[in-house]
Amino acid sequence: MSKKLRQKEAAQAPKMEAAPVLNADNEPPMFSFRYLQKGYCISDCTKDEKAALATKLREMSSLTWYQLKTAPRHGMGKENISRSSIRAGIPRHVTEDTVFWAFRFAGKAPMVGYHSRGVFYVLWLDRVFTLYPH
């Protein structure tokens, strides 16, 4: 193919626009149980707690990160938990600057984890309130 023909085809090709930059706060959350810790796992939950967790995740998924961050902490909102107050082993991949958040999933029982790039990684389901001082 000649150089002129390639240039002509390139000029006629549709122009690609850059993808818009998304503000994660305006997006609904995604959830991951990839790093869920032993002793604070779904398998430790009762049938009712599992149902409450599923219901809570569905409710939270209908909101944006901004709405979750600004909601009351004992409602749909979050509470920051200091790293030094965690009484369980922290996974090695979690860096020192990671901020832990708690969301209530069954009554006042919290799911605790961290937020990264629109995903909330649940590390602990603190159903018996032993993970940190409440």
N, C-alpha and C. Protein backbone atom coordinates (compact mmCIF):
# COMPACT_ATOMS: atom_id res chain seq x y z
N MET A 1 0.85 -1.17 0.00
CA MET A 1 0.00 0.00 0.00
C MET A 1 0.90 1.24 0.00
N SER A 2 0.55 2.18 -0.83
CA SER A 2 1.38 3.37 -0.96
C SER A 2 1.19 4.29 0.25
N LYS A 3 2.16 5.14 0.43
CA LYS A 3 2.14 6.08 1.55
C LYS A 3 0.97 7.04 1.41
N LYS A 4 0.66 7.51 0.17
CA LYS A 4 -0.45 8.43 -0.05
C LYS A 4 -1.78 7.78 0.27
N LEU A 5 -1.95 6.50 -0.07
CA LEU A 5 -3.19 5.78 0.21
C LEU A 5 -3.38 5.61 1.71
N ARG A 6 -2.31 5.29 2.41
CA ARG A 6 -2.40 5.15 3.87
C ARG A 6 -2.77 6.48 4.52
N GLN A 7 -2.20 7.57 4.03
CA GLN A 7 -2.52 8.88 4.58
C GLN A 7 -3.98 9.24 4.32
N LYS A 8 -4.48 8.90 3.12
CA LYS A 8 -5.87 9.19 2.77
C LYS A 8 -6.82 8.40 3.67
N GLU A 9 -6.53 7.12 3.88
CA GLU A 9 -7.37 6.28 4.76
C GLU A 9 -7.35 6.80 6.19
N ALA A 10 -6.19 7.22 6.65
CA ALA A 10 -6.08 7.75 8.01
C ALA A 10 -6.90 9.02 8.16
N ALA A 11 -6.89 9.87 7.13
CA ALA A 11 -7.64 11.12 7.18
C ALA A 11 -9.15 10.86 7.18
N GLN A 12 -9.59 9.76 6.54
CA GLN A 12 -11.02 9.45 6.46
C GLN A 12 -11.52 8.65 7.66
N ALA A 13 -10.61 8.10 8.44
CA ALA A 13 -11.01 7.28 9.59
C ALA A 13 -11.71 8.15 10.62
N PRO A 14 -12.72 7.58 11.29
CA PRO A 14 -13.42 8.37 12.32
C PRO A 14 -12.47 8.75 13.45
N LYS A 15 -12.64 9.94 13.93
CA LYS A 15 -11.79 10.44 15.01
C LYS A 15 -12.26 9.84 16.34
N MET A 16 -11.31 9.35 17.13
CA MET A 16 -11.62 8.79 18.44
C MET A 16 -11.51 9.91 19.47
N GLU A 17 -12.54 10.05 20.28
CA GLU A 17 -12.50 11.04 21.35
C GLU A 17 -11.99 10.37 22.61
N ALA A 18 -11.31 11.12 23.43
CA ALA A 18 -10.82 10.59 24.71
C ALA A 18 -12.02 10.28 25.60
N ALA A 19 -11.89 9.20 26.35
CA ALA A 19 -12.95 8.84 27.29
C ALA A 19 -13.08 9.93 28.34
N PRO A 20 -14.32 10.25 28.74
CA PRO A 20 -14.48 11.29 29.75
C PRO A 20 -13.90 10.83 31.09
N VAL A 21 -13.36 11.77 31.83
CA VAL A 21 -12.84 11.47 33.16
C VAL A 21 -14.03 11.40 34.11
N LEU A 22 -14.16 10.27 34.79
CA LEU A 22 -15.29 10.08 35.69
C LEU A 22 -14.91 10.48 37.11
N ASN A 23 -15.84 11.08 37.80
CA ASN A 23 -15.66 11.38 39.20
C ASN A 23 -16.23 10.20 39.97
N ALA A 24 -15.38 9.44 40.64
CA ALA A 24 -15.81 8.23 41.34
C ALA A 24 -16.90 8.52 42.37
N ASP A 25 -16.91 9.73 42.94
CA ASP A 25 -17.94 10.07 43.92
C ASP A 25 -19.34 10.07 43.31
N ASN A 26 -19.45 10.24 41.99
CA ASN A 26 -20.74 10.25 41.32
C ASN A 26 -21.18 8.87 40.84
N GLU A 27 -20.37 7.87 41.09
CA GLU A 27 -20.64 6.51 40.64
C GLU A 27 -21.16 5.65 41.80
N PRO A 28 -21.93 4.62 41.48
CA PRO A 28 -22.35 3.69 42.53
C PRO A 28 -21.17 2.82 42.94
N PRO A 29 -21.19 2.32 44.17
CA PRO A 29 -20.08 1.49 44.64
C PRO A 29 -20.10 0.09 44.05
N MET A 30 -18.93 -0.49 44.03
CA MET A 30 -18.78 -1.91 43.74
C MET A 30 -18.18 -2.53 45.00
N PHE A 31 -18.42 -3.81 45.21
CA PHE A 31 -17.96 -4.48 46.42
C PHE A 31 -17.15 -5.71 46.08
N SER A 32 -16.12 -5.97 46.90
CA SER A 32 -15.30 -7.15 46.72
C SER A 32 -15.09 -7.84 48.07
N PHE A 33 -15.20 -9.16 48.05
CA PHE A 33 -14.93 -9.97 49.23
C PHE A 33 -13.62 -10.74 49.04
N ARG A 34 -12.82 -10.32 48.10
CA ARG A 34 -11.57 -11.01 47.76
C ARG A 34 -10.65 -11.19 48.97
N TYR A 35 -10.59 -10.22 49.86
CA TYR A 35 -9.65 -10.26 50.97
C TYR A 35 -10.32 -10.49 52.33
N LEU A 36 -11.54 -10.99 52.32
CA LEU A 36 -12.27 -11.23 53.56
C LEU A 36 -11.46 -12.14 54.48
N GLN A 37 -11.35 -11.77 55.74
CA GLN A 37 -10.46 -12.44 56.69
C GLN A 37 -11.17 -13.53 57.50
N LYS A 38 -10.41 -14.57 57.77
CA LYS A 38 -10.90 -15.70 58.56
C LYS A 38 -11.36 -15.21 59.94
N GLY A 39 -12.47 -15.75 60.39
CA GLY A 39 -13.03 -15.35 61.68
C GLY A 39 -14.00 -14.19 61.56
N TYR A 40 -13.98 -13.52 60.43
CA TYR A 40 -14.87 -12.38 60.16
C TYR A 40 -15.50 -12.55 58.78
N CYS A 41 -15.79 -13.79 58.43
CA CYS A 41 -16.18 -14.16 57.08
C CYS A 41 -17.69 -14.35 56.96
N ILE A 42 -18.17 -14.37 55.75
CA ILE A 42 -19.58 -14.65 55.49
C ILE A 42 -19.97 -16.01 56.06
N SER A 43 -19.05 -16.96 55.98
CA SER A 43 -19.35 -18.31 56.49
C SER A 43 -19.58 -18.33 58.00
N ASP A 44 -19.14 -17.29 58.70
CA ASP A 44 -19.38 -17.18 60.15
C ASP A 44 -20.74 -16.55 60.46
N CYS A 45 -21.39 -15.98 59.48
CA CYS A 45 -22.66 -15.28 59.68
C CYS A 45 -23.83 -16.25 59.76
N THR A 46 -24.86 -15.81 60.49
CA THR A 46 -26.11 -16.56 60.52
C THR A 46 -26.86 -16.33 59.22
N LYS A 47 -27.89 -17.09 59.02
CA LYS A 47 -28.73 -16.94 57.83
C LYS A 47 -29.31 -15.52 57.75
N ASP A 48 -29.77 -15.00 58.89
CA ASP A 48 -30.33 -13.65 58.92
C ASP A 48 -29.27 -12.59 58.63
N GLU A 49 -28.06 -12.77 59.13
CA GLU A 49 -26.97 -11.82 58.87
C GLU A 49 -26.58 -11.84 57.40
N LYS A 50 -26.56 -13.02 56.79
CA LYS A 50 -26.26 -13.11 55.36
C LYS A 50 -27.32 -12.38 54.54
N ALA A 51 -28.58 -12.55 54.93
CA ALA A 51 -29.67 -11.87 54.22
C ALA A 51 -29.56 -10.36 54.41
N ALA A 52 -29.23 -9.92 55.62
CA ALA A 52 -29.07 -8.49 55.90
C ALA A 52 -27.91 -7.91 55.09
N LEU A 53 -26.84 -8.67 54.95
CA LEU A 53 -25.69 -8.22 54.16
C LEU A 53 -26.08 -8.04 52.70
N ALA A 54 -26.78 -9.03 52.15
CA ALA A 54 -27.21 -8.93 50.74
C ALA A 54 -28.13 -7.73 50.53
N THR A 55 -29.05 -7.53 51.46
CA THR A 55 -29.98 -6.40 51.37
C THR A 55 -29.22 -5.08 51.45
N LYS A 56 -28.28 -4.98 52.38
CA LYS A 56 -27.51 -3.74 52.55
C LYS A 56 -26.68 -3.43 51.30
N LEU A 57 -26.04 -4.45 50.73
CA LEU A 57 -25.24 -4.22 49.52
C LEU A 57 -26.12 -3.74 48.38
N ARG A 58 -27.30 -4.30 48.27
CA ARG A 58 -28.24 -3.87 47.21
C ARG A 58 -28.66 -2.42 47.43
N GLU A 59 -28.98 -2.06 48.68
CA GLU A 59 -29.38 -0.68 48.99
C GLU A 59 -28.24 0.30 48.71
N MET A 60 -27.04 -0.08 49.13
CA MET A 60 -25.88 0.80 48.92
C MET A 60 -25.57 0.96 47.44
N SER A 61 -25.81 -0.08 46.67
CA SER A 61 -25.53 -0.04 45.23
C SER A 61 -26.44 0.92 44.47
N SER A 62 -27.53 1.33 45.09
CA SER A 62 -28.45 2.26 44.43
C SER A 62 -28.06 3.72 44.69
N LEU A 63 -27.01 3.93 45.48
CA LEU A 63 -26.55 5.28 45.81
C LEU A 63 -25.19 5.52 45.16
N THR A 64 -24.72 6.75 45.25
CA THR A 64 -23.38 7.08 44.77
C THR A 64 -22.42 7.07 45.96
N TRP A 65 -21.13 7.07 45.65
CA TRP A 65 -20.14 7.16 46.72
C TRP A 65 -20.32 8.44 47.52
N TYR A 66 -20.63 9.53 46.85
CA TYR A 66 -20.84 10.80 47.56
C TYR A 66 -21.98 10.66 48.57
N GLN A 67 -23.08 10.06 48.15
CA GLN A 67 -24.22 9.89 49.06
C GLN A 67 -23.85 9.02 50.25
N LEU A 68 -23.08 7.97 50.00
CA LEU A 68 -22.67 7.08 51.10
C LEU A 68 -21.71 7.78 52.05
N LYS A 69 -20.80 8.58 51.51
CA LYS A 69 -19.82 9.27 52.34
C LYS A 69 -20.46 10.33 53.23
N THR A 70 -21.58 10.89 52.79
CA THR A 70 -22.21 11.99 53.52
C THR A 70 -23.42 11.56 54.32
N ALA A 71 -23.81 10.30 54.24
CA ALA A 71 -24.97 9.79 55.00
C ALA A 71 -24.57 9.57 56.46
N PRO A 72 -25.55 9.53 57.35
CA PRO A 72 -25.26 9.26 58.77
C PRO A 72 -24.58 7.89 58.94
N ARG A 73 -23.60 7.82 59.85
CA ARG A 73 -22.80 6.60 60.00
C ARG A 73 -23.59 5.40 60.48
N HIS A 74 -24.66 5.59 61.20
CA HIS A 74 -25.47 4.44 61.62
C HIS A 74 -26.64 4.19 60.69
N GLY A 75 -26.64 4.88 59.56
CA GLY A 75 -27.63 4.65 58.52
C GLY A 75 -26.94 3.98 57.35
N MET A 76 -26.91 4.68 56.23
CA MET A 76 -26.24 4.16 55.03
C MET A 76 -24.79 4.62 54.95
N GLY A 77 -24.40 5.52 55.84
CA GLY A 77 -23.08 6.13 55.75
C GLY A 77 -21.95 5.31 56.34
N LYS A 78 -20.78 5.91 56.29
CA LYS A 78 -19.56 5.25 56.75
C LYS A 78 -19.04 5.89 58.02
N GLU A 79 -18.17 5.14 58.67
CA GLU A 79 -17.43 5.65 59.83
C GLU A 79 -15.97 5.28 59.59
N ASN A 80 -15.06 6.22 59.81
CA ASN A 80 -13.64 5.91 59.70
C ASN A 80 -13.20 5.15 60.95
N ILE A 81 -12.40 4.12 60.74
CA ILE A 81 -11.87 3.31 61.84
C ILE A 81 -10.35 3.42 61.79
N SER A 82 -9.74 3.81 62.90
CA SER A 82 -8.29 3.98 62.89
C SER A 82 -7.59 2.62 62.84
N ARG A 83 -6.52 2.58 62.13
CA ARG A 83 -5.73 1.36 61.98
C ARG A 83 -5.29 0.82 63.34
N SER A 84 -4.94 1.71 64.24
CA SER A 84 -4.44 1.30 65.55
C SER A 84 -5.52 0.65 66.42
N SER A 85 -6.79 0.86 66.08
CA SER A 85 -7.86 0.27 66.88
C SER A 85 -8.26 -1.13 66.39
N ILE A 86 -7.75 -1.56 65.23
CA ILE A 86 -8.08 -2.88 64.69
C ILE A 86 -7.39 -3.95 65.53
N ARG A 87 -8.17 -4.91 66.02
CA ARG A 87 -7.66 -5.97 66.90
C ARG A 87 -7.35 -7.26 66.16
N ALA A 88 -7.50 -7.28 64.87
CA ALA A 88 -7.23 -8.47 64.06
C ALA A 88 -6.03 -8.20 63.17
N GLY A 89 -5.49 -9.26 62.61
CA GLY A 89 -4.39 -9.09 61.68
C GLY A 89 -4.83 -8.34 60.44
N ILE A 90 -4.03 -7.41 60.01
CA ILE A 90 -4.32 -6.64 58.80
C ILE A 90 -3.58 -7.30 57.64
N PRO A 91 -4.27 -7.59 56.55
CA PRO A 91 -3.61 -8.23 55.41
C PRO A 91 -2.37 -7.46 54.96
N ARG A 92 -1.36 -8.19 54.53
CA ARG A 92 -0.07 -7.60 54.16
C ARG A 92 -0.16 -6.60 53.02
N HIS A 93 -1.11 -6.80 52.11
CA HIS A 93 -1.20 -5.90 50.95
C HIS A 93 -1.75 -4.53 51.32
N VAL A 94 -2.33 -4.39 52.51
CA VAL A 94 -2.94 -3.12 52.93
C VAL A 94 -1.83 -2.20 53.44
N THR A 95 -1.64 -1.09 52.77
CA THR A 95 -0.56 -0.17 53.11
C THR A 95 -0.89 0.64 54.37
N GLU A 96 0.16 1.20 54.95
CA GLU A 96 0.03 1.97 56.20
C GLU A 96 -0.89 3.18 56.06
N ASP A 97 -1.00 3.75 54.87
CA ASP A 97 -1.81 4.94 54.67
C ASP A 97 -3.27 4.63 54.34
N THR A 98 -3.63 3.36 54.33
CA THR A 98 -5.01 2.96 54.01
C THR A 98 -5.95 3.41 55.12
N VAL A 99 -7.07 4.00 54.73
CA VAL A 99 -8.10 4.42 55.67
C VAL A 99 -9.18 3.36 55.68
N PHE A 100 -9.49 2.85 56.87
CA PHE A 100 -10.54 1.84 57.00
C PHE A 100 -11.89 2.52 57.22
N TRP A 101 -12.91 1.96 56.56
CA TRP A 101 -14.27 2.44 56.71
C TRP A 101 -15.13 1.32 57.24
N ALA A 102 -16.15 1.68 58.00
CA ALA A 102 -17.15 0.73 58.47
C ALA A 102 -18.51 1.17 57.95
N PHE A 103 -19.24 0.21 57.42
CA PHE A 103 -20.64 0.39 57.03
C PHE A 103 -21.45 -0.63 57.83
N ARG A 104 -22.59 -0.25 58.33
CA ARG A 104 -23.44 -1.16 59.10
C ARG A 104 -24.17 -2.10 58.14
N PHE A 105 -24.20 -3.40 58.46
CA PHE A 105 -24.88 -4.34 57.56
C PHE A 105 -25.98 -5.14 58.22
N ALA A 106 -25.87 -5.41 59.52
CA ALA A 106 -26.90 -6.17 60.24
C ALA A 106 -27.11 -5.48 61.57
N GLY A 107 -28.17 -4.68 61.67
CA GLY A 107 -28.32 -3.84 62.85
C GLY A 107 -27.16 -2.86 62.87
N LYS A 108 -26.40 -2.86 63.97
CA LYS A 108 -25.23 -1.98 64.04
C LYS A 108 -23.93 -2.72 63.76
N ALA A 109 -24.01 -4.00 63.39
CA ALA A 109 -22.81 -4.77 63.07
C ALA A 109 -22.15 -4.21 61.81
N PRO A 110 -20.85 -3.89 61.89
CA PRO A 110 -20.18 -3.28 60.74
C PRO A 110 -19.46 -4.27 59.83
N MET A 111 -19.44 -3.90 58.55
CA MET A 111 -18.49 -4.52 57.62
C MET A 111 -17.40 -3.48 57.49
N VAL A 112 -16.16 -3.91 57.64
CA VAL A 112 -15.03 -2.99 57.67
C VAL A 112 -14.08 -3.35 56.53
N GLY A 113 -13.61 -2.33 55.86
CA GLY A 113 -12.69 -2.53 54.76
C GLY A 113 -12.15 -1.21 54.29
N TYR A 114 -11.78 -1.16 53.02
CA TYR A 114 -11.23 0.07 52.46
C TYR A 114 -11.75 0.28 51.05
N HIS A 115 -11.70 1.53 50.63
CA HIS A 115 -12.18 1.98 49.33
C HIS A 115 -10.99 2.26 48.42
N SER A 116 -11.02 1.70 47.23
CA SER A 116 -9.96 1.97 46.26
C SER A 116 -10.54 1.90 44.85
N ARG A 117 -10.43 3.02 44.14
CA ARG A 117 -10.87 3.10 42.74
C ARG A 117 -12.31 2.64 42.53
N GLY A 118 -13.20 3.09 43.39
CA GLY A 118 -14.62 2.78 43.23
C GLY A 118 -15.06 1.46 43.81
N VAL A 119 -14.12 0.69 44.36
CA VAL A 119 -14.45 -0.62 44.93
C VAL A 119 -14.25 -0.57 46.44
N PHE A 120 -15.22 -1.12 47.18
CA PHE A 120 -15.06 -1.27 48.62
C PHE A 120 -14.66 -2.72 48.88
N TYR A 121 -13.45 -2.90 49.38
CA TYR A 121 -12.92 -4.23 49.69
C TYR A 121 -13.28 -4.54 51.13
N VAL A 122 -14.19 -5.48 51.33
CA VAL A 122 -14.61 -5.86 52.68
C VAL A 122 -13.55 -6.81 53.23
N LEU A 123 -12.98 -6.44 54.39
CA LEU A 123 -11.98 -7.28 55.03
C LEU A 123 -12.57 -8.06 56.20
N TRP A 124 -13.50 -7.41 56.91
CA TRP A 124 -14.04 -8.03 58.12
C TRP A 124 -15.55 -7.75 58.23
N LEU A 125 -16.30 -8.78 58.59
CA LEU A 125 -17.71 -8.64 58.98
C LEU A 125 -17.72 -8.80 60.49
N ASP A 126 -17.82 -7.69 61.19
CA ASP A 126 -17.68 -7.67 62.65
C ASP A 126 -19.02 -7.90 63.33
N ARG A 127 -19.57 -9.07 63.12
CA ARG A 127 -20.92 -9.38 63.61
C ARG A 127 -21.01 -9.51 65.13
N VAL A 128 -19.91 -9.81 65.82
CA VAL A 128 -19.94 -9.94 67.29
C VAL A 128 -19.15 -8.82 67.98
N PHE A 129 -18.84 -7.76 67.24
CA PHE A 129 -18.24 -6.53 67.78
C PHE A 129 -16.92 -6.76 68.51
N THR A 130 -16.00 -7.52 67.89
CA THR A 130 -14.70 -7.76 68.50
C THR A 130 -13.55 -7.16 67.71
N LEU A 131 -13.80 -6.61 66.55
CA LEU A 131 -12.74 -6.11 65.67
C LEU A 131 -12.07 -4.84 66.19
N TYR A 132 -12.85 -3.95 66.76
CA TYR A 132 -12.34 -2.68 67.28
C TYR A 132 -13.26 -2.23 68.40
N PRO A 133 -12.81 -1.31 69.27
CA PRO A 133 -13.68 -0.82 70.35
C PRO A 133 -14.89 -0.09 69.79
N HIS A 134 -16.05 -0.49 70.21
CA HIS A 134 -17.30 0.12 69.73
C HIS A 134 -17.85 1.07 70.77
